[in-house]
Amino acid sequence: MRIVFGALALLIVLAIVSWQAKTQVESVAKPIAVPMPDGTTLSGSPKQIEQQYKKALEDALNTARPRSPDE
C-alpha cells in the first residue's frame, strides 16, 4: 500500500513540476509591450523588441546632432 501511495505522490509532484515548467515557457513567448525613452511603445516577442530597440538606438546614434555655435 505504501508503494501505491508513494507512486501516486510522485506522479502528482511530476505533474505539478511539468505544469509549472510549461507555464514558464509559455509566458516567455507571449507578446509584451516595452515603453521607449522617446514615448513610443515597442510590442512583440522579447526577441523582436530587442532587435527593434537596438535598431532605434543605432538610428539615434547615427543621426546628425546640431552643432553648437562655439564648435
N, C-alpha and C. Protein backbone atom coordinates (compact mmCIF):
# COMPACT_ATOMS: atom_id res chain seq x y z
N MET A 1 0.82 -1.19 0.00
CA MET A 1 0.00 0.00 0.00
C MET A 1 0.87 1.26 0.00
N ARG A 2 2.00 1.21 0.72
CA ARG A 2 2.91 2.36 0.73
C ARG A 2 3.45 2.63 -0.66
N ILE A 3 3.74 1.58 -1.38
CA ILE A 3 4.28 1.74 -2.74
C ILE A 3 3.27 2.44 -3.63
N VAL A 4 2.00 2.07 -3.51
CA VAL A 4 0.96 2.69 -4.32
C VAL A 4 0.86 4.18 -4.01
N PHE A 5 0.80 4.53 -2.73
CA PHE A 5 0.70 5.94 -2.35
C PHE A 5 1.98 6.70 -2.70
N GLY A 6 3.11 6.07 -2.59
CA GLY A 6 4.37 6.71 -2.97
C GLY A 6 4.42 7.01 -4.45
N ALA A 7 3.98 6.04 -5.26
CA ALA A 7 3.95 6.25 -6.71
C ALA A 7 2.94 7.33 -7.08
N LEU A 8 1.79 7.33 -6.43
CA LEU A 8 0.77 8.34 -6.69
C LEU A 8 1.29 9.74 -6.32
N ALA A 9 1.95 9.84 -5.18
CA ALA A 9 2.52 11.13 -4.77
C ALA A 9 3.58 11.60 -5.75
N LEU A 10 4.40 10.67 -6.23
CA LEU A 10 5.43 11.02 -7.20
C LEU A 10 4.81 11.51 -8.50
N LEU A 11 3.75 10.86 -8.96
CA LEU A 11 3.07 11.30 -10.18
C LEU A 11 2.47 12.69 -10.01
N ILE A 12 1.91 12.96 -8.85
CA ILE A 12 1.32 14.28 -8.60
C ILE A 12 2.41 15.35 -8.60
N VAL A 13 3.53 15.07 -7.96
CA VAL A 13 4.64 16.03 -7.93
C VAL A 13 5.17 16.27 -9.34
N LEU A 14 5.33 15.22 -10.12
CA LEU A 14 5.81 15.38 -11.50
C LEU A 14 4.83 16.18 -12.34
N ALA A 15 3.54 15.97 -12.14
CA ALA A 15 2.53 16.73 -12.89
C ALA A 15 2.61 18.21 -12.55
N ILE A 16 2.78 18.53 -11.27
CA ILE A 16 2.86 19.93 -10.85
C ILE A 16 4.12 20.58 -11.41
N VAL A 17 5.24 19.90 -11.35
CA VAL A 17 6.50 20.45 -11.87
C VAL A 17 6.42 20.66 -13.37
N SER A 18 5.87 19.71 -14.11
CA SER A 18 5.78 19.86 -15.57
C SER A 18 4.82 20.98 -15.93
N TRP A 19 3.73 21.13 -15.17
CA TRP A 19 2.79 22.21 -15.43
C TRP A 19 3.46 23.56 -15.20
N GLN A 20 4.25 23.68 -14.12
CA GLN A 20 4.97 24.93 -13.84
C GLN A 20 5.97 25.25 -14.96
N ALA A 21 6.68 24.24 -15.42
CA ALA A 21 7.66 24.45 -16.49
C ALA A 21 6.97 24.90 -17.76
N LYS A 22 5.84 24.29 -18.08
CA LYS A 22 5.09 24.66 -19.28
C LYS A 22 4.61 26.10 -19.18
N THR A 23 4.13 26.50 -18.00
CA THR A 23 3.66 27.87 -17.79
C THR A 23 4.81 28.86 -17.97
N GLN A 24 5.99 28.53 -17.47
CA GLN A 24 7.15 29.41 -17.61
C GLN A 24 7.53 29.59 -19.08
N VAL A 25 7.52 28.51 -19.84
CA VAL A 25 7.89 28.57 -21.25
C VAL A 25 6.88 29.39 -22.03
N GLU A 26 5.60 29.21 -21.75
CA GLU A 26 4.57 29.95 -22.46
C GLU A 26 4.61 31.43 -22.13
N SER A 27 4.97 31.79 -20.92
CA SER A 27 5.00 33.20 -20.55
C SER A 27 6.11 33.94 -21.28
N VAL A 28 7.19 33.25 -21.64
CA VAL A 28 8.28 33.88 -22.38
C VAL A 28 7.85 34.18 -23.80
N ALA A 29 7.01 33.35 -24.38
CA ALA A 29 6.62 33.50 -25.77
C ALA A 29 5.49 34.51 -25.96
N LYS A 30 4.86 34.98 -24.89
CA LYS A 30 3.75 35.92 -25.02
C LYS A 30 4.26 37.27 -25.49
N PRO A 31 3.51 37.92 -26.38
CA PRO A 31 3.91 39.27 -26.79
C PRO A 31 3.84 40.24 -25.61
N ILE A 32 4.78 41.15 -25.57
CA ILE A 32 4.82 42.14 -24.50
C ILE A 32 4.99 43.52 -25.11
N ALA A 33 4.80 44.54 -24.32
CA ALA A 33 4.99 45.92 -24.78
C ALA A 33 6.01 46.59 -23.87
N VAL A 34 6.94 47.32 -24.48
CA VAL A 34 8.00 47.99 -23.73
C VAL A 34 8.00 49.47 -24.10
N PRO A 35 7.90 50.37 -23.10
CA PRO A 35 7.96 51.79 -23.42
C PRO A 35 9.39 52.22 -23.76
N MET A 36 9.51 53.04 -24.79
CA MET A 36 10.81 53.56 -25.20
C MET A 36 11.03 54.93 -24.55
N PRO A 37 12.28 55.37 -24.45
CA PRO A 37 12.56 56.68 -23.85
C PRO A 37 11.89 57.85 -24.59
N ASP A 38 11.66 57.71 -25.89
CA ASP A 38 11.05 58.80 -26.64
C ASP A 38 9.53 58.82 -26.55
N GLY A 39 8.94 57.93 -25.76
CA GLY A 39 7.50 57.92 -25.57
C GLY A 39 6.75 56.90 -26.39
N THR A 40 7.39 56.32 -27.40
CA THR A 40 6.73 55.29 -28.20
C THR A 40 6.76 53.97 -27.45
N THR A 41 6.02 53.01 -27.95
CA THR A 41 5.96 51.70 -27.31
C THR A 41 6.29 50.62 -28.32
N LEU A 42 7.21 49.74 -27.95
CA LEU A 42 7.53 48.59 -28.78
C LEU A 42 6.72 47.40 -28.29
N SER A 43 6.23 46.58 -29.24
CA SER A 43 5.48 45.40 -28.82
C SER A 43 5.90 44.22 -29.69
N GLY A 44 5.69 43.04 -29.18
CA GLY A 44 6.04 41.81 -29.88
C GLY A 44 6.73 40.85 -28.93
N SER A 45 7.40 39.88 -29.51
CA SER A 45 8.11 38.92 -28.67
C SER A 45 9.37 39.58 -28.11
N PRO A 46 9.91 39.06 -27.03
CA PRO A 46 11.12 39.67 -26.46
C PRO A 46 12.27 39.79 -27.46
N LYS A 47 12.43 38.81 -28.35
CA LYS A 47 13.49 38.85 -29.35
C LYS A 47 13.25 40.01 -30.33
N GLN A 48 11.99 40.18 -30.77
CA GLN A 48 11.67 41.26 -31.69
C GLN A 48 11.89 42.62 -31.04
N ILE A 49 11.51 42.73 -29.78
CA ILE A 49 11.69 44.01 -29.08
C ILE A 49 13.16 44.34 -28.94
N GLU A 50 13.97 43.33 -28.65
CA GLU A 50 15.41 43.55 -28.53
C GLU A 50 15.98 44.07 -29.85
N GLN A 51 15.56 43.48 -30.97
CA GLN A 51 16.04 43.93 -32.28
C GLN A 51 15.57 45.34 -32.59
N GLN A 52 14.29 45.64 -32.28
CA GLN A 52 13.75 46.97 -32.53
C GLN A 52 14.47 48.02 -31.67
N TYR A 53 14.75 47.67 -30.43
CA TYR A 53 15.42 48.60 -29.53
C TYR A 53 16.84 48.89 -30.01
N LYS A 54 17.56 47.83 -30.44
CA LYS A 54 18.92 48.03 -30.95
C LYS A 54 18.90 48.91 -32.20
N LYS A 55 17.92 48.68 -33.08
CA LYS A 55 17.83 49.48 -34.30
C LYS A 55 17.53 50.94 -33.96
N ALA A 56 16.62 51.16 -33.03
CA ALA A 56 16.29 52.53 -32.63
C ALA A 56 17.49 53.22 -32.00
N LEU A 57 18.26 52.47 -31.22
CA LEU A 57 19.45 53.03 -30.59
C LEU A 57 20.50 53.39 -31.64
N GLU A 58 20.71 52.50 -32.61
CA GLU A 58 21.67 52.78 -33.68
C GLU A 58 21.24 53.99 -34.49
N ASP A 59 19.93 54.07 -34.81
CA ASP A 59 19.43 55.21 -35.57
C ASP A 59 19.64 56.51 -34.80
N ALA A 60 19.39 56.47 -33.49
CA ALA A 60 19.57 57.67 -32.67
C ALA A 60 21.03 58.08 -32.62
N LEU A 61 21.94 57.11 -32.57
CA LEU A 61 23.36 57.44 -32.52
C LEU A 61 23.87 57.93 -33.88
N ASN A 62 23.26 57.47 -34.95
CA ASN A 62 23.73 57.84 -36.29
C ASN A 62 23.15 59.16 -36.80
N THR A 63 22.10 59.66 -36.16
CA THR A 63 21.52 60.92 -36.63
C THR A 63 22.50 62.05 -36.33
N ALA A 64 22.54 63.00 -37.23
CA ALA A 64 23.46 64.13 -37.06
C ALA A 64 22.93 65.05 -35.96
N ARG A 65 23.80 65.39 -35.04
CA ARG A 65 23.42 66.32 -33.98
C ARG A 65 23.71 67.73 -34.45
N PRO A 66 22.83 68.66 -34.11
CA PRO A 66 23.11 70.05 -34.48
C PRO A 66 24.33 70.56 -33.69
N ARG A 67 25.20 71.25 -34.39
CA ARG A 67 26.41 71.76 -33.73
C ARG A 67 26.09 73.04 -32.97
N SER A 68 26.75 73.19 -31.87
CA SER A 68 26.58 74.42 -31.10
C SER A 68 27.43 75.52 -31.76
N PRO A 69 27.11 76.78 -31.54
CA PRO A 69 27.82 77.88 -32.21
C PRO A 69 29.32 77.93 -31.91
N ASP A 70 29.76 77.42 -30.78
CA ASP A 70 31.18 77.51 -30.44
C ASP A 70 32.03 76.41 -31.07
N GLU A 71 31.42 75.48 -31.80
CA GLU A 71 32.23 74.42 -32.43
C GLU A 71 32.72 74.82 -33.79
